[in-house]
Amino acid sequence: MAYRLSQKSKQLLVAIHVIAVASWTGGTFGMLLLGIYLGSSANGDQLTYTLASMEVIDENLLKYPALLILLTGILLSIWTQWGLVKHYWVAIKLTLTVATILIGIFFLNDWTESLGDLVRESGFAAMRDPAYRSTRTSMLVTAGFNLVCLLLMVFITYFKPFGKIKKRRAPGPSPTSKRS
């Protein structure tokens, strides 16, 4: 028989999961707002400290909570009745979590660093650089997409749509086929 969490352990794990969700969602929203603010900076100092703030948020409110959500979500799904791939809503949340983490690792982190490098090299003139504008736009669109994914996962958690994933039967003779 598979390991099941006690009620107290489950409550503790759910509380940690929810706190991490709040951190990740808040950090993503903060990144989006600061990304918008980058477009209205009045001088190089504002650009510099806004990007520094974005790097702090990325490091502390995005990376670690995202990994904690992945870990606690997997543990909750395998140590409760939901299972990791027994219900569509759990599988969808797992897929969206992994996708959002990978987007952050391979895109948003690099874009934040590249904007910081541009501003350190060019100061306020970086705002006129097409690479700066393009990267900032990519960050805004991607952060918006990530925020929508995170909010969608919250709704999926509460509504638990689509039911159970049906098991596929192994190919073989059908019950109506004749035996020789």
Protein backbone atom coordinates (compact mmCIF):
# COMPACT_ATOMS: atom_id res chain seq x y z
CA MET A 1 0.00 0.00 0.00
CA ALA A 2 1.26 3.48 -0.87
CA TYR A 3 2.29 5.97 1.80
CA ARG A 4 -0.47 8.39 2.82
CA LEU A 5 -0.04 11.61 4.74
CA SER A 6 -1.63 12.10 8.13
CA GLN A 7 -4.12 14.96 8.34
CA LYS A 8 -1.63 17.20 10.19
CA SER A 9 1.17 16.44 7.72
CA LYS A 10 -1.13 17.12 4.79
CA GLN A 11 -2.22 20.44 6.32
CA LEU A 12 1.40 21.46 6.86
CA LEU A 13 2.36 20.53 3.28
CA VAL A 14 -0.70 22.35 1.87
CA ALA A 15 0.16 25.46 3.94
CA ILE A 16 3.74 25.46 2.62
CA HIS A 17 2.39 24.94 -0.91
CA VAL A 18 -0.09 27.84 -0.61
CA ILE A 19 2.55 30.21 0.83
CA ALA A 20 4.85 29.32 -2.06
CA VAL A 21 2.00 29.91 -4.54
CA ALA A 22 1.37 33.34 -3.02
CA SER A 23 5.10 34.18 -3.22
CA TRP A 24 5.46 33.01 -6.81
CA THR A 25 2.28 34.76 -7.94
CA GLY A 26 3.18 37.97 -6.11
CA GLY A 27 6.72 37.88 -7.47
CA THR A 28 5.44 37.37 -11.01
CA PHE A 29 3.00 40.25 -10.61
CA GLY A 30 5.79 42.41 -9.18
CA MET A 31 8.06 41.57 -12.12
CA LEU A 32 5.27 42.51 -14.53
CA LEU A 33 4.67 45.85 -12.78
CA LEU A 34 8.38 46.68 -12.62
CA GLY A 35 8.71 45.71 -16.29
CA ILE A 36 5.96 48.20 -17.11
CA TYR A 37 7.67 50.81 -14.91
CA LEU A 38 10.91 50.36 -16.88
CA GLY A 39 9.18 52.04 -19.82
CA SER A 40 8.57 55.24 -17.87
CA SER A 41 11.92 55.60 -16.13
CA ALA A 42 13.15 59.18 -16.11
CA ASN A 43 16.88 58.51 -15.78
CA GLY A 44 19.57 55.86 -15.68
CA ASP A 45 19.43 55.54 -11.90
CA GLN A 46 15.74 54.57 -12.04
CA LEU A 47 16.52 51.98 -14.69
CA THR A 48 19.38 50.61 -12.61
CA TYR A 49 17.47 50.25 -9.34
CA THR A 50 14.34 48.93 -11.05
CA LEU A 51 16.36 46.21 -12.75
CA ALA A 52 18.18 45.48 -9.47
CA SER A 53 14.79 45.08 -7.79
CA MET A 54 13.68 42.75 -10.58
CA GLU A 55 16.79 40.62 -10.07
CA VAL A 56 16.08 40.36 -6.32
CA ILE A 57 12.47 39.35 -7.01
CA ASP A 58 13.59 36.83 -9.62
CA GLU A 59 16.07 35.27 -7.24
CA ASN A 60 13.90 35.19 -4.12
CA LEU A 61 10.21 35.27 -5.06
CA LEU A 62 10.30 33.30 -8.30
CA LYS A 63 13.00 30.62 -8.31
CA TYR A 64 12.73 29.13 -4.84
CA PRO A 65 8.94 29.30 -4.47
CA ALA A 66 8.54 27.76 -7.94
CA LEU A 67 10.76 24.82 -7.01
CA LEU A 68 9.00 24.49 -3.64
CA ILE A 69 5.63 24.42 -5.42
CA LEU A 70 6.85 21.71 -7.76
CA LEU A 71 8.17 19.62 -4.86
CA THR A 72 5.18 20.06 -2.54
CA GLY A 73 2.73 19.59 -5.42
CA ILE A 74 4.32 16.29 -6.40
CA LEU A 75 4.41 15.12 -2.77
CA LEU A 76 0.78 16.12 -2.20
CA SER A 77 -0.35 14.35 -5.34
CA ILE A 78 1.47 11.08 -4.71
CA TRP A 79 0.79 10.99 -0.95
CA THR A 80 -2.95 11.72 -1.24
CA GLN A 81 -5.84 10.23 -3.15
CA TRP A 82 -5.30 12.52 -6.14
CA GLY A 83 -2.27 10.79 -7.63
CA LEU A 84 0.19 12.38 -10.03
CA VAL A 85 -1.55 11.31 -13.24
CA LYS A 86 -4.93 10.01 -12.06
CA HIS A 87 -6.83 13.28 -12.62
CA TYR A 88 -6.60 15.75 -15.47
CA TRP A 89 -6.45 18.77 -13.18
CA VAL A 90 -3.32 17.46 -11.41
CA ALA A 91 -1.62 16.61 -14.72
CA ILE A 92 -2.49 20.04 -16.15
CA LYS A 93 -1.11 21.81 -13.07
CA LEU A 94 2.08 19.74 -13.21
CA THR A 95 2.52 20.55 -16.91
CA LEU A 96 1.88 24.28 -16.40
CA THR A 97 4.20 24.40 -13.37
CA VAL A 98 7.06 22.75 -15.24
CA ALA A 99 6.46 24.91 -18.34
CA THR A 100 6.37 28.12 -16.30
CA ILE A 101 9.55 27.15 -14.42
CA LEU A 102 11.35 26.37 -17.69
CA ILE A 103 10.21 29.68 -19.22
CA GLY A 104 11.63 31.47 -16.18
CA ILE A 105 14.92 29.58 -16.31
CA PHE A 106 15.56 29.78 -20.05
CA PHE A 107 14.04 33.16 -20.89
CA LEU A 108 13.04 35.57 -18.11
CA ASN A 109 16.21 35.17 -16.08
CA ASP A 110 18.41 35.79 -19.12
CA TRP A 111 16.33 38.73 -20.28
CA THR A 112 16.51 40.41 -16.87
CA GLU A 113 20.29 39.99 -16.83
CA SER A 114 20.68 41.25 -20.40
CA LEU A 115 18.63 44.37 -19.65
CA GLY A 116 20.80 44.97 -16.60
CA ASP A 117 23.93 44.61 -18.72
CA LEU A 118 22.57 47.05 -21.33
CA VAL A 119 21.74 49.64 -18.67
CA ARG A 120 25.15 49.24 -16.97
CA GLU A 121 26.87 49.77 -20.35
CA SER A 122 24.69 52.54 -21.79
CA GLY A 123 22.84 54.07 -18.87
CA PHE A 124 19.65 55.90 -19.78
CA ALA A 125 20.52 55.70 -23.50
CA ALA A 126 19.69 51.98 -23.30
CA MET A 127 15.99 52.90 -23.53
CA ARG A 128 16.53 53.93 -27.17
CA ASP A 129 18.28 50.67 -28.00
CA PRO A 130 16.03 48.36 -30.10
CA ALA A 131 17.43 45.32 -28.22
CA TYR A 132 16.35 46.89 -24.91
CA ARG A 133 12.82 47.60 -26.19
CA SER A 134 12.48 44.17 -27.74
CA THR A 135 13.73 42.37 -24.64
CA ARG A 136 11.51 44.45 -22.36
CA THR A 137 8.48 43.67 -24.52
CA SER A 138 9.33 39.96 -24.48
CA MET A 139 9.62 40.10 -20.69
CA LEU A 140 6.25 41.81 -20.33
CA VAL A 141 4.46 39.35 -22.59
CA THR A 142 6.09 36.34 -20.96
CA ALA A 143 5.52 37.59 -17.41
CA GLY A 144 1.88 38.23 -18.33
CA PHE A 145 1.60 34.71 -19.73
CA ASN A 146 3.18 33.24 -16.59
CA LEU A 147 0.80 35.22 -14.36
CA VAL A 148 -2.19 33.93 -16.33
CA CYS A 149 -0.85 30.36 -15.98
CA LEU A 150 -0.42 30.78 -12.22
CA LEU A 151 -3.92 32.20 -11.78
CA LEU A 152 -5.34 29.44 -13.99
CA MET A 153 -3.67 26.85 -11.76
CA VAL A 154 -5.37 28.40 -8.71
CA PHE A 155 -8.76 28.09 -10.40
CA ILE A 156 -8.00 24.55 -11.51
CA THR A 157 -7.14 23.65 -7.91
CA TYR A 158 -10.56 24.73 -6.67
CA PHE A 159 -12.76 23.54 -9.54
CA LYS A 160 -10.86 20.31 -10.34
CA PRO A 161 -12.21 20.07 -13.90
CA PHE A 162 -12.17 17.26 -16.47
CA GLY A 163 -12.41 14.26 -14.12
CA LYS A 164 -10.19 11.21 -14.01
CA ILE A 165 -7.71 10.18 -16.66
CA LYS A 166 -8.96 6.95 -18.15
CA LYS A 167 -6.50 4.10 -18.25
CA ARG A 168 -5.76 2.72 -21.66
CA ARG A 169 -6.18 -0.97 -22.00
CA ALA A 170 -3.38 -3.06 -23.39
CA PRO A 171 -4.01 -4.14 -26.95
CA GLY A 172 -5.22 -7.68 -27.16
CA PRO A 173 -8.21 -9.71 -28.16
CA SER A 174 -11.49 -8.01 -27.54
CA PRO A 175 -14.02 -9.76 -25.30
CA THR A 176 -16.25 -10.40 -28.29
CA SER A 177 -13.61 -12.01 -30.50
CA LYS A 178 -13.91 -15.77 -31.08
CA ARG A 179 -11.37 -18.20 -29.78
CA SER A 180 -10.17 -21.03 -31.99
